[in-house]
Amino acid sequence: MKEVTATEAARGFSALLTAVERDGETFFITRGGRVIARIEPAAGTSGAAVKALLRHFPPDEHWAGELGVIRGLLTTQDRQWPA
């Protein structure tokens, strides 16, 4: 993990992003001696993770009925378009 000032990060932003993407580096951005941000590689995701999440939450058996009620509350407005 490297620490760089906001000014350094701004001046070398492309190189900083390349180091994050290619080398997996993490940078702490400082301003006035305080860390204000962290730039790091994005966490990877997979279809397996999504499937596991969906399995964790069972289907809502009332959802379709509730959706029907909500749709029934919608109103339409007839408008006459100018000719």
PDB file of N, CA and C in Angstrom:
ATOM      1  N   MET A   1       0.838  -1.165   0.000  1.00  0.00           N
ATOM      2  CA  MET A   1       0.000   0.000   0.000  1.00  0.00           C
ATOM      3  C   MET A   1       0.885   1.231   0.000  1.00  0.00           C
ATOM      4  N   LYS A   2       0.545   2.120  -0.915  1.00  0.00           N
ATOM      5  CA  LYS A   2       1.333   3.340  -1.035  1.00  0.00           C
ATOM      6  C   LYS A   2       0.477   4.534  -0.658  1.00  0.00           C
ATOM      7  N   GLU A   3       1.126   5.545  -0.145  1.00  0.00           N
ATOM      8  CA  GLU A   3       0.447   6.775   0.222  1.00  0.00           C
ATOM      9  C   GLU A   3       0.898   7.862  -0.740  1.00  0.00           C
ATOM     10  N   VAL A   4      -0.055   8.551  -1.343  1.00  0.00           N
ATOM     11  CA  VAL A   4       0.262   9.657  -2.248  1.00  0.00           C
ATOM     12  C   VAL A   4      -0.644  10.835  -1.901  1.00  0.00           C
ATOM     13  N   THR A   5      -0.143  12.032  -2.153  1.00  0.00           N
ATOM     14  CA  THR A   5      -0.968  13.212  -1.895  1.00  0.00           C
ATOM     15  C   THR A   5      -2.007  13.339  -3.002  1.00  0.00           C
ATOM     16  N   ALA A   6      -3.042  14.104  -2.729  1.00  0.00           N
ATOM     17  CA  ALA A   6      -4.082  14.331  -3.729  1.00  0.00           C
ATOM     18  C   ALA A   6      -3.487  14.981  -4.972  1.00  0.00           C
ATOM     19  N   THR A   7      -2.543  15.875  -4.778  1.00  0.00           N
ATOM     20  CA  THR A   7      -1.895  16.537  -5.910  1.00  0.00           C
ATOM     21  C   THR A   7      -1.124  15.532  -6.753  1.00  0.00           C
ATOM     22  N   GLU A   8      -0.355  14.666  -6.103  1.00  0.00           N
ATOM     23  CA  GLU A   8       0.400  13.638  -6.833  1.00  0.00           C
ATOM     24  C   GLU A   8      -0.548  12.700  -7.572  1.00  0.00           C
ATOM     25  N   ALA A   9      -1.637  12.327  -6.919  1.00  0.00           N
ATOM     26  CA  ALA A   9      -2.608  11.432  -7.550  1.00  0.00           C
ATOM     27  C   ALA A   9      -3.212  12.087  -8.782  1.00  0.00           C
ATOM     28  N   ALA A  10      -3.547  13.365  -8.675  1.00  0.00           N
ATOM     29  CA  ALA A  10      -4.147  14.076  -9.805  1.00  0.00           C
ATOM     30  C   ALA A  10      -3.172  14.200 -10.967  1.00  0.00           C
ATOM     31  N   ARG A  11      -1.936  14.496 -10.661  1.00  0.00           N
ATOM     32  CA  ARG A  11      -0.935  14.682 -11.722  1.00  0.00           C
ATOM     33  C   ARG A  11      -0.562  13.372 -12.408  1.00  0.00           C
ATOM     34  N   GLY A  12      -0.639  12.276 -11.680  1.00  0.00           N
ATOM     35  CA  GLY A  12      -0.255  10.988 -12.257  1.00  0.00           C
ATOM     36  C   GLY A  12      -1.389   9.979 -12.231  1.00  0.00           C
ATOM     37  N   PHE A  13      -2.624  10.470 -12.446  1.00  0.00           N
ATOM     38  CA  PHE A  13      -3.796   9.608 -12.277  1.00  0.00           C
ATOM     39  C   PHE A  13      -3.778   8.406 -13.213  1.00  0.00           C
ATOM     40  N   SER A  14      -3.390   8.596 -14.455  1.00  0.00           N
ATOM     41  CA  SER A  14      -3.357   7.486 -15.407  1.00  0.00           C
ATOM     42  C   SER A  14      -2.377   6.407 -14.955  1.00  0.00           C
ATOM     43  N   ALA A  15      -1.198   6.812 -14.520  1.00  0.00           N
ATOM     44  CA  ALA A  15      -0.199   5.850 -14.043  1.00  0.00           C
ATOM     45  C   ALA A  15      -0.675   5.157 -12.772  1.00  0.00           C
ATOM     46  N   LEU A  16      -1.352   5.908 -11.905  1.00  0.00           N
ATOM     47  CA  LEU A  16      -1.885   5.336 -10.672  1.00  0.00           C
ATOM     48  C   LEU A  16      -2.906   4.243 -11.004  1.00  0.00           C
ATOM     49  N   LEU A  17      -3.820   4.544 -11.935  1.00  0.00           N
ATOM     50  CA  LEU A  17      -4.820   3.548 -12.330  1.00  0.00           C
ATOM     51  C   LEU A  17      -4.181   2.326 -12.983  1.00  0.00           C
ATOM     52  N   THR A  18      -3.135   2.548 -13.750  1.00  0.00           N
ATOM     53  CA  THR A  18      -2.427   1.425 -14.372  1.00  0.00           C
ATOM     54  C   THR A  18      -1.821   0.524 -13.307  1.00  0.00           C
ATOM     55  N   ALA A  19      -1.225   1.119 -12.277  1.00  0.00           N
ATOM     56  CA  ALA A  19      -0.630   0.328 -11.188  1.00  0.00           C
ATOM     57  C   ALA A  19      -1.701  -0.459 -10.438  1.00  0.00           C
ATOM     58  N   VAL A  20      -2.865   0.138 -10.269  1.00  0.00           N
ATOM     59  CA  VAL A  20      -3.964  -0.563  -9.599  1.00  0.00           C
ATOM     60  C   VAL A  20      -4.436  -1.727 -10.461  1.00  0.00           C
ATOM     61  N   GLU A  21      -4.656  -1.453 -11.740  1.00  0.00           N
ATOM     62  CA  GLU A  21      -5.187  -2.484 -12.638  1.00  0.00           C
ATOM     63  C   GLU A  21      -4.172  -3.591 -12.921  1.00  0.00           C
ATOM     64  N   ARG A  22      -2.967  -3.220 -13.283  1.00  0.00           N
ATOM     65  CA  ARG A  22      -1.974  -4.202 -13.724  1.00  0.00           C
ATOM     66  C   ARG A  22      -1.288  -4.918 -12.567  1.00  0.00           C
ATOM     67  N   ASP A  23      -0.955  -4.148 -11.525  1.00  0.00           N
ATOM     68  CA  ASP A  23      -0.156  -4.712 -10.436  1.00  0.00           C
ATOM     69  C   ASP A  23      -0.961  -5.013  -9.173  1.00  0.00           C
ATOM     70  N   GLY A  24      -2.231  -4.629  -9.165  1.00  0.00           N
ATOM     71  CA  GLY A  24      -3.063  -4.886  -7.995  1.00  0.00           C
ATOM     72  C   GLY A  24      -2.710  -4.018  -6.797  1.00  0.00           C
ATOM     73  N   GLU A  25      -2.082  -2.879  -7.045  1.00  0.00           N
ATOM     74  CA  GLU A  25      -1.654  -2.008  -5.945  1.00  0.00           C
ATOM     75  C   GLU A  25      -2.825  -1.251  -5.328  1.00  0.00           C
ATOM     76  N   THR A  26      -2.678  -0.895  -4.078  1.00  0.00           N
ATOM     77  CA  THR A  26      -3.641  -0.070  -3.361  1.00  0.00           C
ATOM     78  C   THR A  26      -2.957   1.233  -2.986  1.00  0.00           C
ATOM     79  N   PHE A  27      -3.668   2.336  -3.178  1.00  0.00           N
ATOM     80  CA  PHE A  27      -3.127   3.653  -2.854  1.00  0.00           C
ATOM     81  C   PHE A  27      -4.024   4.349  -1.839  1.00  0.00           C
ATOM     82  N   PHE A  28      -3.401   4.972  -0.847  1.00  0.00           N
ATOM     83  CA  PHE A  28      -4.106   5.841   0.080  1.00  0.00           C
ATOM     84  C   PHE A  28      -3.823   7.265  -0.363  1.00  0.00           C
ATOM     85  N   ILE A  29      -4.873   8.022  -0.588  1.00  0.00           N
ATOM     86  CA  ILE A  29      -4.739   9.405  -1.033  1.00  0.00           C
ATOM     87  C   ILE A  29      -4.857  10.304   0.197  1.00  0.00           C
ATOM     88  N   THR A  30      -3.888  11.209   0.347  1.00  0.00           N
ATOM     89  CA  THR A  30      -3.891  12.095   1.512  1.00  0.00           C
ATOM     90  C   THR A  30      -4.088  13.546   1.091  1.00  0.00           C
ATOM     91  N   ARG A  31      -4.656  14.296   2.003  1.00  0.00           N
ATOM     92  CA  ARG A  31      -4.780  15.751   1.832  1.00  0.00           C
ATOM     93  C   ARG A  31      -4.524  16.357   3.204  1.00  0.00           C
ATOM     94  N   GLY A  32      -3.577  17.256   3.255  1.00  0.00           N
ATOM     95  CA  GLY A  32      -3.243  17.876   4.538  1.00  0.00           C
ATOM     96  C   GLY A  32      -2.754  16.871   5.561  1.00  0.00           C
ATOM     97  N   GLY A  33      -2.110  15.799   5.083  1.00  0.00           N
ATOM     98  CA  GLY A  33      -1.568  14.794   5.984  1.00  0.00           C
ATOM     99  C   GLY A  33      -2.570  13.754   6.464  1.00  0.00           C
ATOM    100  N   ARG A  34      -3.835  13.881   6.049  1.00  0.00           N
ATOM    101  CA  ARG A  34      -4.869  12.911   6.453  1.00  0.00           C
ATOM    102  C   ARG A  34      -5.270  12.061   5.258  1.00  0.00           C
ATOM    103  N   VAL A  35      -5.491  10.787   5.499  1.00  0.00           N
ATOM    104  CA  VAL A  35      -5.975   9.900   4.439  1.00  0.00           C
ATOM    105  C   VAL A  35      -7.436  10.241   4.182  1.00  0.00           C
ATOM    106  N   ILE A  36      -7.755  10.545   2.911  1.00  0.00           N
ATOM    107  CA  ILE A  36      -9.130  10.901   2.559  1.00  0.00           C
ATOM    108  C   ILE A  36      -9.774   9.897   1.610  1.00  0.00           C
ATOM    109  N   ALA A  37      -8.963   9.033   0.992  1.00  0.00           N
ATOM    110  CA  ALA A  37      -9.527   8.074   0.040  1.00  0.00           C
ATOM    111  C   ALA A  37      -8.580   6.901  -0.129  1.00  0.00           C
ATOM    112  N   ARG A  38      -9.143   5.825  -0.645  1.00  0.00           N
ATOM    113  CA  ARG A  38      -8.350   4.635  -0.962  1.00  0.00           C
ATOM    114  C   ARG A  38      -8.737   4.211  -2.371  1.00  0.00           C
ATOM    115  N   ILE A  39      -7.758   3.949  -3.196  1.00  0.00           N
ATOM    116  CA  ILE A  39      -7.997   3.431  -4.544  1.00  0.00           C
ATOM    117  C   ILE A  39      -7.372   2.056  -4.596  1.00  0.00           C
ATOM    118  N   GLU A  40      -8.197   1.063  -4.917  1.00  0.00           N
ATOM    119  CA  GLU A  40      -7.733  -0.319  -4.929  1.00  0.00           C
ATOM    120  C   GLU A  40      -8.452  -1.083  -6.029  1.00  0.00           C
ATOM    121  N   PRO A  41      -7.939  -2.261  -6.386  1.00  0.00           N
ATOM    122  CA  PRO A  41      -8.617  -3.051  -7.410  1.00  0.00           C
ATOM    123  C   PRO A  41     -10.046  -3.384  -6.978  1.00  0.00           C
ATOM    124  N   ALA A  42     -10.941  -3.372  -7.934  1.00  0.00           N
ATOM    125  CA  ALA A  42     -12.332  -3.728  -7.649  1.00  0.00           C
ATOM    126  C   ALA A  42     -12.414  -5.213  -7.330  1.00  0.00           C
ATOM    127  N   ALA A  43     -13.287  -5.536  -6.398  1.00  0.00           N
ATOM    128  CA  ALA A  43     -13.488  -6.940  -6.041  1.00  0.00           C
ATOM    129  C   ALA A  43     -14.151  -7.659  -7.212  1.00  0.00           C
ATOM    130  N   GLY A  44     -13.693  -8.845  -7.496  1.00  0.00           N
ATOM    131  CA  GLY A  44     -14.281  -9.628  -8.574  1.00  0.00           C
ATOM    132  C   GLY A  44     -15.611 -10.225  -8.149  1.00  0.00           C
ATOM    133  N   THR A  45     -16.467 -10.431  -9.104  1.00  0.00           N
ATOM    134  CA  THR A  45     -17.747 -11.081  -8.833  1.00  0.00           C
ATOM    135  C   THR A  45     -17.924 -12.223  -9.814  1.00  0.00           C
ATOM    136  N   SER A  46     -18.827 -13.113  -9.465  1.00  0.00           N
ATOM    137  CA  SER A  46     -19.080 -14.233 -10.364  1.00  0.00           C
ATOM    138  C   SER A  46     -20.546 -14.603 -10.308  1.00  0.00           C
ATOM    139  N   GLY A  47     -20.969 -15.354 -11.288  1.00  0.00           N
ATOM    140  CA  GLY A  47     -22.335 -15.850 -11.301  1.00  0.00           C
ATOM    141  C   GLY A  47     -22.609 -16.739 -10.103  1.00  0.00           C
ATOM    142  N   ALA A  48     -21.603 -17.457  -9.642  1.00  0.00           N
ATOM    143  CA  ALA A  48     -21.773 -18.344  -8.489  1.00  0.00           C
ATOM    144  C   ALA A  48     -22.129 -17.536  -7.244  1.00  0.00           C
ATOM    145  N   ALA A  49     -21.517 -16.374  -7.094  1.00  0.00           N
ATOM    146  CA  ALA A  49     -21.818 -15.529  -5.938  1.00  0.00           C
ATOM    147  C   ALA A  49     -23.260 -15.036  -5.992  1.00  0.00           C
ATOM    148  N   VAL A  50     -23.724 -14.690  -7.179  1.00  0.00           N
ATOM    149  CA  VAL A  50     -25.110 -14.240  -7.334  1.00  0.00           C
ATOM    150  C   VAL A  50     -26.068 -15.380  -7.028  1.00  0.00           C
ATOM    151  N   LYS A  51     -25.775 -16.569  -7.537  1.00  0.00           N
ATOM    152  CA  LYS A  51     -26.628 -17.736  -7.263  1.00  0.00           C
ATOM    153  C   LYS A  51     -26.704 -18.022  -5.769  1.00  0.00           C
ATOM    154  N   ALA A  52     -25.575 -17.949  -5.091  1.00  0.00           N
ATOM    155  CA  ALA A  52     -25.552 -18.206  -3.649  1.00  0.00           C
ATOM    156  C   ALA A  52     -26.398 -17.177  -2.908  1.00  0.00           C
ATOM    157  N   LEU A  53     -26.320 -15.938  -3.327  1.00  0.00           N
ATOM    158  CA  LEU A  53     -27.114 -14.888  -2.702  1.00  0.00           C
ATOM    159  C   LEU A  53     -28.602 -15.135  -2.914  1.00  0.00           C
ATOM    160  N   LEU A  54     -28.969 -15.509  -4.128  1.00  0.00           N
ATOM    161  CA  LEU A  54     -30.381 -15.774  -4.418  1.00  0.00           C
ATOM    162  C   LEU A  54     -30.891 -16.982  -3.643  1.00  0.00           C
ATOM    163  N   ARG A  55     -30.058 -17.980  -3.449  1.00  0.00           N
ATOM    164  CA  ARG A  55     -30.462 -19.156  -2.670  1.00  0.00           C
ATOM    165  C   ARG A  55     -30.670 -18.801  -1.197  1.00  0.00           C
ATOM    166  N   HIS A  56     -29.931 -17.821  -0.738  1.00  0.00           N
ATOM    167  CA  HIS A  56     -29.999 -17.410   0.664  1.00  0.00           C
ATOM    168  C   HIS A  56     -31.357 -16.792   1.009  1.00  0.00           C
ATOM    169  N   PHE A  57     -31.957 -16.110   0.042  1.00  0.00           N
ATOM    170  CA  PHE A  57     -33.248 -15.460   0.263  1.00  0.00           C
ATOM    171  C   PHE A  57     -34.334 -16.234  -0.471  1.00  0.00           C
ATOM    172  N   PRO A  58     -35.257 -16.856   0.252  1.00  0.00           N
ATOM    173  CA  PRO A  58     -36.308 -17.638  -0.395  1.00  0.00           C
ATOM    174  C   PRO A  58     -37.260 -16.732  -1.171  1.00  0.00           C
ATOM    175  N   PRO A  59     -37.931 -17.288  -2.183  1.00  0.00           N
ATOM    176  CA  PRO A  59     -38.891 -16.491  -2.955  1.00  0.00           C
ATOM    177  C   PRO A  59     -40.019 -15.978  -2.052  1.00  0.00           C
ATOM    178  N   ASP A  60     -40.532 -14.822  -2.368  1.00  0.00           N
ATOM    179  CA  ASP A  60     -41.641 -14.225  -1.623  1.00  0.00           C
ATOM    180  C   ASP A  60     -42.943 -14.666  -2.281  1.00  0.00           C
ATOM    181  N   GLU A  61     -43.678 -15.524  -1.614  1.00  0.00           N
ATOM    182  CA  GLU A  61     -44.901 -16.078  -2.203  1.00  0.00           C
ATOM    183  C   GLU A  61     -46.004 -15.033  -2.347  1.00  0.00           C
ATOM    184  N   HIS A  62     -45.885 -13.911  -1.667  1.00  0.00           N
ATOM    185  CA  HIS A  62     -46.918 -12.871  -1.741  1.00  0.00           C
ATOM    186  C   HIS A  62     -46.598 -11.785  -2.770  1.00  0.00           C
ATOM    187  N   TRP A  63     -45.419 -11.852  -3.359  1.00  0.00           N
ATOM    188  CA  TRP A  63     -44.960 -10.785  -4.242  1.00  0.00           C
ATOM    189  C   TRP A  63     -45.901 -10.554  -5.414  1.00  0.00           C
ATOM    190  N   ALA A  64     -46.305 -11.595  -6.100  1.00  0.00           N
ATOM    191  CA  ALA A  64     -47.154 -11.432  -7.284  1.00  0.00           C
ATOM    192  C   ALA A  64     -48.482 -10.772  -6.914  1.00  0.00           C
ATOM    193  N   GLY A  65     -49.069 -11.185  -5.805  1.00  0.00           N
ATOM    194  CA  GLY A  65     -50.323 -10.578  -5.372  1.00  0.00           C
ATOM    195  C   GLY A  65     -50.162  -9.111  -5.023  1.00  0.00           C
ATOM    196  N   GLU A  66     -49.077  -8.784  -4.332  1.00  0.00           N
ATOM    197  CA  GLU A  66     -48.817  -7.392  -3.965  1.00  0.00           C
ATOM    198  C   GLU A  66     -48.578  -6.539  -5.205  1.00  0.00           C
ATOM    199  N   LEU A  67     -47.899  -7.108  -6.183  1.00  0.00           N
ATOM    200  CA  LEU A  67     -47.671  -6.389  -7.429  1.00  0.00           C
ATOM    201  C   LEU A  67     -48.996  -6.106  -8.124  1.00  0.00           C
ATOM    202  N   GLY A  68     -49.904  -7.079  -8.110  1.00  0.00           N
ATOM    203  CA  GLY A  68     -51.226  -6.879  -8.704  1.00  0.00           C
ATOM    204  C   GLY A  68     -51.992  -5.756  -8.019  1.00  0.00           C
ATOM    205  N   VAL A  69     -51.897  -5.687  -6.696  1.00  0.00           N
ATOM    206  CA  VAL A  69     -52.566  -4.611  -5.950  1.00  0.00           C
ATOM    207  C   VAL A  69     -51.994  -3.259  -6.353  1.00  0.00           C
ATOM    208  N   ILE A  70     -50.691  -3.178  -6.438  1.00  0.00           N
ATOM    209  CA  ILE A  70     -50.041  -1.917  -6.814  1.00  0.00           C
ATOM    210  C   ILE A  70     -50.448  -1.512  -8.222  1.00  0.00           C
ATOM    211  N   ARG A  71     -50.452  -2.461  -9.140  1.00  0.00           N
ATOM    212  CA  ARG A  71     -50.862  -2.147 -10.514  1.00  0.00           C
ATOM    213  C   ARG A  71     -52.308  -1.676 -10.554  1.00  0.00           C
ATOM    214  N   GLY A  72     -53.143  -2.236  -9.698  1.00  0.00           N
ATOM    215  CA  GLY A  72     -54.539  -1.817  -9.637  1.00  0.00           C
ATOM    216  C   GLY A  72     -54.707  -0.385  -9.153  1.00  0.00           C
ATOM    217  N   LEU A  73     -53.731   0.125  -8.426  1.00  0.00           N
ATOM    218  CA  LEU A  73     -53.791   1.496  -7.926  1.00  0.00           C
ATOM    219  C   LEU A  73     -53.381   2.528  -8.973  1.00  0.00           C
ATOM    220  N   LEU A  74     -52.739   2.061 -10.028  1.00  0.00           N
ATOM    221  CA  LEU A  74     -52.292   2.984 -11.070  1.00  0.00           C
ATOM    222  C   LEU A  74     -53.491   3.502 -11.845  1.00  0.00           C
ATOM    223  N   THR A  75     -53.420   4.749 -12.198  1.00  0.00           N
ATOM    224  CA  THR A  75     -54.481   5.328 -13.020  1.00  0.00           C
ATOM    225  C   THR A  75     -53.867   5.838 -14.309  1.00  0.00           C
ATOM    226  N   THR A  76     -54.682   5.872 -15.325  1.00  0.00           N
ATOM    227  CA  THR A  76     -54.227   6.419 -16.596  1.00  0.00           C
ATOM    228  C   THR A  76     -54.986   7.705 -16.847  1.00  0.00           C
ATOM    229  N   GLN A  77     -54.376   8.552 -17.595  1.00  0.00           N
ATOM    230  CA  GLN A  77     -54.997   9.827 -17.909  1.00  0.00           C
ATOM    231  C   GLN A  77     -55.138   9.912 -19.418  1.00  0.00           C
ATOM    232  N   ASP A  78     -56.381  10.025 -19.878  1.00  0.00           N
ATOM    233  CA  ASP A  78     -56.608  10.178 -21.314  1.00  0.00           C
ATOM    234  C   ASP A  78     -56.320  11.619 -21.700  1.00  0.00           C
ATOM    235  N   ARG A  79     -55.527  11.767 -22.716  1.00  0.00           N
ATOM    236  CA  ARG A  79     -55.186  13.110 -23.185  1.00  0.00           C
ATOM    237  C   ARG A  79     -55.574  13.237 -24.649  1.00  0.00           C
ATOM    238  N   GLN A  80     -56.059  14.360 -24.980  1.00  0.00           N
ATOM    239  CA  GLN A  80     -56.364  14.669 -26.369  1.00  0.00           C
ATOM    240  C   GLN A  80     -55.156  15.397 -26.956  1.00  0.00           C
ATOM    241  N   TRP A  81     -54.570  14.803 -27.954  1.00  0.00           N
ATOM    242  CA  TRP A  81     -53.419  15.420 -28.591  1.00  0.00           C
ATOM    243  C   TRP A  81     -53.909  16.423 -29.630  1.00  0.00           C
ATOM    244  N   PRO A  82     -53.254  17.561 -29.701  1.00  0.00           N
ATOM    245  CA  PRO A  82     -53.674  18.548 -30.710  1.00  0.00           C
ATOM    246  C   PRO A  82     -53.457  17.991 -32.108  1.00  0.00           C
ATOM    247  N   ALA A  83     -54.382  18.306 -32.980  1.00  0.00           N
ATOM    248  CA  ALA A  83     -54.310  17.803 -34.362  1.00  0.00           C
ATOM    249  C   ALA A  83     -53.363  18.627 -35.187  1.00  0.00           C
TER     250      ALA A  83
END
